N, C-alpha and C. Protein backbone atom coordinates (compact mmCIF):
# COMPACT_ATOMS: atom_id res chain seq x y z
N MET A 1 3.81 -14.63 -29.28
CA MET A 1 3.67 -13.32 -28.70
C MET A 1 5.05 -12.71 -28.56
N TRP A 2 5.10 -11.41 -28.60
CA TRP A 2 6.38 -10.71 -28.59
C TRP A 2 6.98 -10.61 -27.20
N PHE A 3 6.19 -10.73 -26.14
CA PHE A 3 6.71 -10.53 -24.80
C PHE A 3 6.98 -11.82 -24.05
N ALA A 4 6.63 -12.95 -24.61
CA ALA A 4 6.89 -14.22 -23.94
C ALA A 4 7.42 -15.20 -24.97
N PRO A 5 8.55 -15.86 -24.67
CA PRO A 5 9.07 -16.84 -25.61
C PRO A 5 8.05 -17.95 -25.82
N GLY A 6 7.64 -18.15 -27.04
CA GLY A 6 6.68 -19.21 -27.32
C GLY A 6 5.24 -18.80 -27.05
N GLY A 7 4.98 -17.53 -26.79
CA GLY A 7 3.62 -17.08 -26.54
C GLY A 7 3.08 -17.62 -25.23
N PHE A 8 1.83 -18.04 -25.26
CA PHE A 8 1.19 -18.57 -24.06
C PHE A 8 1.16 -20.10 -24.08
N ARG A 9 2.08 -20.71 -24.80
CA ARG A 9 2.07 -22.17 -24.89
C ARG A 9 2.23 -22.83 -23.54
N HIS A 10 2.96 -22.17 -22.64
CA HIS A 10 3.17 -22.76 -21.32
C HIS A 10 1.87 -22.83 -20.52
N LEU A 11 0.84 -22.04 -20.91
CA LEU A 11 -0.43 -22.07 -20.20
C LEU A 11 -1.35 -23.19 -20.66
N LEU A 12 -1.06 -23.75 -21.80
CA LEU A 12 -1.92 -24.79 -22.35
C LEU A 12 -1.49 -26.16 -21.86
N SER A 13 -2.46 -26.98 -21.53
CA SER A 13 -2.11 -28.33 -21.12
C SER A 13 -1.85 -29.18 -22.36
N SER A 14 -1.25 -30.32 -22.17
CA SER A 14 -0.92 -31.18 -23.30
C SER A 14 -2.18 -31.71 -23.98
N ARG A 15 -3.31 -31.74 -23.29
CA ARG A 15 -4.54 -32.25 -23.88
C ARG A 15 -5.13 -31.29 -24.91
N THR A 16 -4.87 -29.99 -24.76
CA THR A 16 -5.48 -29.03 -25.68
C THR A 16 -4.58 -28.63 -26.83
N ARG A 17 -3.36 -29.11 -26.87
CA ARG A 17 -2.48 -28.79 -27.99
C ARG A 17 -2.96 -29.53 -29.23
N LEU A 18 -2.88 -28.85 -30.35
CA LEU A 18 -3.45 -29.39 -31.58
C LEU A 18 -2.36 -29.73 -32.58
N ALA A 19 -2.62 -30.77 -33.32
CA ALA A 19 -1.71 -31.15 -34.40
C ALA A 19 -2.04 -30.31 -35.63
N PRO A 20 -1.02 -30.02 -36.47
CA PRO A 20 -1.30 -29.26 -37.70
C PRO A 20 -2.27 -30.02 -38.60
N GLY A 21 -3.16 -29.30 -39.28
CA GLY A 21 -4.11 -29.92 -40.20
C GLY A 21 -5.25 -30.60 -39.49
N ALA A 22 -5.65 -30.13 -38.35
CA ALA A 22 -6.72 -30.76 -37.58
C ALA A 22 -8.08 -30.39 -38.18
N GLY A 23 -9.14 -31.05 -37.71
CA GLY A 23 -10.49 -30.88 -38.24
C GLY A 23 -11.16 -29.60 -37.77
N PRO A 24 -12.47 -29.42 -38.12
CA PRO A 24 -13.21 -28.19 -37.79
C PRO A 24 -13.31 -27.93 -36.29
N GLN A 25 -13.49 -28.99 -35.53
CA GLN A 25 -13.60 -28.81 -34.08
C GLN A 25 -12.27 -28.29 -33.52
N ASP A 26 -11.17 -28.80 -34.06
CA ASP A 26 -9.86 -28.36 -33.60
C ASP A 26 -9.61 -26.90 -34.00
N ARG A 27 -10.07 -26.51 -35.18
CA ARG A 27 -9.93 -25.11 -35.58
C ARG A 27 -10.73 -24.19 -34.66
N TYR A 28 -11.89 -24.65 -34.23
CA TYR A 28 -12.70 -23.89 -33.28
C TYR A 28 -11.93 -23.70 -31.97
N LEU A 29 -11.28 -24.76 -31.51
CA LEU A 29 -10.50 -24.67 -30.27
C LEU A 29 -9.34 -23.68 -30.44
N ARG A 30 -8.69 -23.70 -31.59
CA ARG A 30 -7.59 -22.76 -31.84
C ARG A 30 -8.10 -21.32 -31.82
N ARG A 31 -9.24 -21.10 -32.46
CA ARG A 31 -9.81 -19.76 -32.52
C ARG A 31 -10.18 -19.27 -31.12
N THR A 32 -10.78 -20.12 -30.31
CA THR A 32 -11.16 -19.70 -28.96
C THR A 32 -9.92 -19.45 -28.11
N ARG A 33 -8.87 -20.25 -28.29
CA ARG A 33 -7.63 -20.00 -27.55
C ARG A 33 -7.04 -18.66 -27.96
N ARG A 34 -7.09 -18.35 -29.25
CA ARG A 34 -6.57 -17.08 -29.74
C ARG A 34 -7.37 -15.92 -29.15
N MET A 35 -8.68 -16.07 -29.07
CA MET A 35 -9.51 -15.03 -28.47
C MET A 35 -9.18 -14.87 -26.99
N HIS A 36 -8.97 -15.97 -26.30
CA HIS A 36 -8.63 -15.91 -24.88
C HIS A 36 -7.30 -15.20 -24.67
N LYS A 37 -6.35 -15.46 -25.58
CA LYS A 37 -5.07 -14.76 -25.50
C LYS A 37 -5.27 -13.26 -25.66
N GLY A 38 -6.08 -12.89 -26.66
CA GLY A 38 -6.33 -11.48 -26.90
C GLY A 38 -7.02 -10.81 -25.72
N ILE A 39 -7.98 -11.49 -25.14
CA ILE A 39 -8.68 -10.94 -23.98
C ILE A 39 -7.73 -10.81 -22.81
N THR A 40 -6.87 -11.80 -22.61
CA THR A 40 -5.91 -11.77 -21.51
C THR A 40 -4.94 -10.61 -21.68
N VAL A 41 -4.42 -10.44 -22.88
CA VAL A 41 -3.50 -9.33 -23.14
C VAL A 41 -4.21 -8.00 -22.93
N LEU A 42 -5.44 -7.89 -23.39
CA LEU A 42 -6.21 -6.66 -23.22
C LEU A 42 -6.42 -6.36 -21.74
N LEU A 43 -6.79 -7.36 -20.96
CA LEU A 43 -7.03 -7.14 -19.53
C LEU A 43 -5.75 -6.74 -18.80
N PHE A 44 -4.64 -7.42 -19.10
CA PHE A 44 -3.38 -7.05 -18.47
C PHE A 44 -2.95 -5.64 -18.87
N GLY A 45 -3.18 -5.28 -20.12
CA GLY A 45 -2.86 -3.92 -20.57
C GLY A 45 -3.70 -2.87 -19.85
N MET A 46 -5.00 -3.14 -19.71
CA MET A 46 -5.86 -2.21 -19.00
C MET A 46 -5.44 -2.08 -17.54
N LEU A 47 -5.08 -3.20 -16.93
CA LEU A 47 -4.63 -3.17 -15.54
C LEU A 47 -3.34 -2.37 -15.40
N ALA A 48 -2.41 -2.58 -16.32
CA ALA A 48 -1.14 -1.86 -16.26
C ALA A 48 -1.33 -0.36 -16.45
N LEU A 49 -2.27 0.03 -17.30
CA LEU A 49 -2.50 1.45 -17.54
C LEU A 49 -3.31 2.12 -16.43
N SER A 50 -4.16 1.36 -15.75
CA SER A 50 -5.01 1.97 -14.72
C SER A 50 -4.41 1.90 -13.33
N ALA A 51 -3.39 1.09 -13.11
CA ALA A 51 -2.82 0.95 -11.77
C ALA A 51 -2.16 2.22 -11.25
N PRO A 52 -1.30 2.90 -12.02
CA PRO A 52 -0.67 4.12 -11.47
C PRO A 52 -1.66 5.23 -11.10
N PRO A 53 -2.65 5.56 -11.93
CA PRO A 53 -3.60 6.59 -11.50
C PRO A 53 -4.41 6.18 -10.27
N ALA A 54 -4.78 4.91 -10.19
CA ALA A 54 -5.55 4.45 -9.03
C ALA A 54 -4.70 4.54 -7.77
N ALA A 55 -3.45 4.15 -7.86
CA ALA A 55 -2.56 4.22 -6.70
C ALA A 55 -2.35 5.67 -6.29
N ASN A 56 -2.20 6.55 -7.25
CA ASN A 56 -2.03 7.97 -6.95
C ASN A 56 -3.26 8.52 -6.24
N ARG A 57 -4.44 8.12 -6.68
CA ARG A 57 -5.66 8.58 -6.04
C ARG A 57 -5.75 8.08 -4.61
N LEU A 58 -5.41 6.81 -4.39
CA LEU A 58 -5.50 6.24 -3.04
C LEU A 58 -4.52 6.90 -2.09
N TRP A 59 -3.24 6.95 -2.47
CA TRP A 59 -2.23 7.48 -1.56
C TRP A 59 -2.24 9.00 -1.54
N GLY A 60 -2.71 9.63 -2.59
CA GLY A 60 -2.80 11.08 -2.60
C GLY A 60 -3.84 11.58 -1.61
N GLN A 61 -4.96 10.86 -1.48
CA GLN A 61 -5.98 11.23 -0.51
C GLN A 61 -5.50 10.97 0.90
N ALA A 62 -4.74 9.92 1.10
CA ALA A 62 -4.24 9.60 2.43
C ALA A 62 -3.31 10.71 2.93
N GLU A 63 -2.52 11.28 2.04
CA GLU A 63 -1.62 12.35 2.44
C GLU A 63 -2.40 13.59 2.85
N LYS A 64 -3.49 13.87 2.18
CA LYS A 64 -4.29 15.04 2.52
C LYS A 64 -4.97 14.86 3.88
N LYS A 65 -5.44 13.65 4.18
CA LYS A 65 -6.12 13.39 5.44
C LYS A 65 -5.16 13.43 6.62
N ASP A 66 -3.91 13.06 6.42
CA ASP A 66 -2.94 12.99 7.50
C ASP A 66 -2.25 14.31 7.77
N ALA A 67 -2.68 15.37 7.16
CA ALA A 67 -2.03 16.67 7.36
C ALA A 67 -2.23 17.10 8.82
N MET A 68 -1.16 17.61 9.40
CA MET A 68 -1.19 18.02 10.80
C MET A 68 -1.91 19.36 10.94
N PRO A 69 -2.74 19.51 11.97
CA PRO A 69 -3.38 20.81 12.20
C PRO A 69 -2.36 21.80 12.77
N ASP A 70 -2.68 23.06 12.69
CA ASP A 70 -1.79 24.08 13.26
C ASP A 70 -1.71 23.89 14.77
N PRO A 71 -0.52 24.00 15.35
CA PRO A 71 -0.39 23.79 16.80
C PRO A 71 -1.09 24.91 17.58
N ALA A 72 -1.67 24.54 18.71
CA ALA A 72 -2.36 25.52 19.56
C ALA A 72 -1.36 26.35 20.34
N VAL A 73 -0.18 25.80 20.61
CA VAL A 73 0.85 26.50 21.37
C VAL A 73 1.93 26.94 20.40
N LYS A 74 2.24 28.21 20.41
CA LYS A 74 3.28 28.76 19.54
C LYS A 74 4.62 28.72 20.25
N VAL A 75 5.69 28.85 19.49
CA VAL A 75 7.04 28.88 20.05
C VAL A 75 7.16 30.09 20.96
N GLY A 76 7.65 29.87 22.17
CA GLY A 76 7.81 30.95 23.14
C GLY A 76 6.65 31.05 24.11
N ASP A 77 5.50 30.42 23.80
CA ASP A 77 4.36 30.42 24.73
C ASP A 77 4.66 29.50 25.90
N MET A 78 3.97 29.74 27.02
CA MET A 78 4.10 28.86 28.18
C MET A 78 3.34 27.57 27.88
N ALA A 79 3.94 26.44 28.21
CA ALA A 79 3.33 25.14 27.94
C ALA A 79 2.13 24.93 28.85
N PRO A 80 1.08 24.30 28.36
CA PRO A 80 -0.08 24.03 29.22
C PRO A 80 0.28 22.96 30.26
N ASP A 81 -0.38 23.04 31.39
CA ASP A 81 -0.10 22.08 32.46
C ASP A 81 -0.73 20.73 32.12
N PHE A 82 -0.03 19.65 32.42
CA PHE A 82 -0.54 18.30 32.21
C PHE A 82 0.08 17.38 33.25
N THR A 83 -0.53 16.22 33.44
CA THR A 83 -0.07 15.24 34.42
C THR A 83 0.13 13.91 33.72
N LEU A 84 1.27 13.26 34.01
CA LEU A 84 1.60 11.94 33.46
C LEU A 84 2.10 11.04 34.57
N MET A 85 2.18 9.75 34.27
CA MET A 85 2.73 8.77 35.21
C MET A 85 4.21 8.59 34.91
N ASP A 86 5.03 8.53 35.97
CA ASP A 86 6.46 8.27 35.76
C ASP A 86 6.70 6.76 35.77
N THR A 87 7.96 6.35 35.74
CA THR A 87 8.29 4.92 35.65
C THR A 87 7.95 4.15 36.92
N HIS A 88 7.74 4.87 38.03
CA HIS A 88 7.38 4.22 39.29
C HIS A 88 5.89 4.35 39.59
N ARG A 89 5.10 4.71 38.60
CA ARG A 89 3.65 4.86 38.68
C ARG A 89 3.21 6.00 39.59
N ASN A 90 4.05 7.01 39.74
CA ASN A 90 3.69 8.21 40.49
C ASN A 90 3.23 9.28 39.50
N GLN A 91 2.22 10.05 39.89
CA GLN A 91 1.75 11.12 39.01
C GLN A 91 2.69 12.32 39.13
N VAL A 92 3.09 12.83 37.98
CA VAL A 92 3.99 13.97 37.93
C VAL A 92 3.34 15.02 37.03
N SER A 93 3.25 16.25 37.54
CA SER A 93 2.65 17.35 36.77
C SER A 93 3.74 18.30 36.31
N LEU A 94 3.45 19.00 35.26
CA LEU A 94 4.41 19.96 34.74
C LEU A 94 4.61 21.12 35.71
N HIS A 95 3.55 21.49 36.43
CA HIS A 95 3.67 22.62 37.36
C HIS A 95 4.61 22.28 38.53
N ASP A 96 4.90 20.99 38.77
CA ASP A 96 5.85 20.60 39.82
C ASP A 96 7.27 21.08 39.49
N PHE A 97 7.58 21.25 38.23
CA PHE A 97 8.93 21.63 37.81
C PHE A 97 9.05 23.11 37.45
N ARG A 98 7.97 23.84 37.52
CA ARG A 98 7.98 25.24 37.11
C ARG A 98 8.90 26.06 38.02
N GLY A 99 9.89 26.70 37.42
CA GLY A 99 10.84 27.53 38.15
C GLY A 99 11.99 26.75 38.77
N LYS A 100 12.00 25.41 38.68
CA LYS A 100 13.05 24.60 39.29
C LYS A 100 14.04 24.07 38.26
N LYS A 101 13.54 23.42 37.22
CA LYS A 101 14.39 22.73 36.26
C LYS A 101 13.86 22.93 34.85
N ASN A 102 14.71 22.59 33.89
CA ASN A 102 14.24 22.50 32.52
C ASN A 102 13.61 21.13 32.35
N VAL A 103 12.58 21.05 31.54
CA VAL A 103 11.86 19.79 31.34
C VAL A 103 11.99 19.39 29.88
N ALA A 104 12.43 18.16 29.66
CA ALA A 104 12.47 17.58 28.32
C ALA A 104 11.59 16.34 28.34
N LEU A 105 10.64 16.28 27.44
CA LEU A 105 9.69 15.17 27.41
C LEU A 105 9.86 14.44 26.09
N ALA A 106 10.10 13.13 26.17
CA ALA A 106 10.28 12.32 24.95
C ALA A 106 9.31 11.16 24.99
N PHE A 107 8.62 10.94 23.87
CA PHE A 107 7.70 9.82 23.75
C PHE A 107 8.32 8.80 22.81
N TYR A 108 8.41 7.56 23.25
CA TYR A 108 8.88 6.46 22.41
C TYR A 108 7.67 5.60 22.12
N ILE A 109 7.12 5.75 20.95
CA ILE A 109 5.83 5.15 20.62
C ILE A 109 5.87 3.63 20.70
N PHE A 110 6.89 3.00 20.13
CA PHE A 110 6.93 1.55 20.10
C PHE A 110 7.93 0.96 21.09
N ALA A 111 8.33 1.71 22.09
CA ALA A 111 9.30 1.20 23.05
C ALA A 111 8.66 0.10 23.89
N PHE A 112 9.37 -0.98 24.05
CA PHE A 112 8.97 -2.11 24.89
C PHE A 112 7.66 -2.74 24.43
N THR A 113 7.38 -2.69 23.14
CA THR A 113 6.18 -3.33 22.60
C THR A 113 6.61 -4.28 21.49
N GLY A 114 5.71 -5.13 21.10
CA GLY A 114 5.99 -6.06 20.02
C GLY A 114 5.90 -5.40 18.66
N GLY A 115 5.35 -4.20 18.56
CA GLY A 115 5.16 -3.52 17.28
C GLY A 115 6.33 -2.79 16.88
């Protein structure tokens, strides 16, 4: 074979290797091995040609599903009121800070987790 030194000889066990000038049964074994090689090359070729389009279909659909919806709050709008727990397990609402301070809210998704 052109892509592997010695063809597929490394796949054959020592029991199935044939001596030159073997009988009819040995020729049958050679022919079936040759067919198996052809089928194997054909299957690998089909796999190599079909893998990129299949991957594109799989990941292309995932990108479409993960598209973010339009935000309900526009830039410059007043933020909706919400309540969260602080680090001391006290409930804190956004309206508690209205008119007093600027509020910056940061979410650390994987902070202090094993993930």
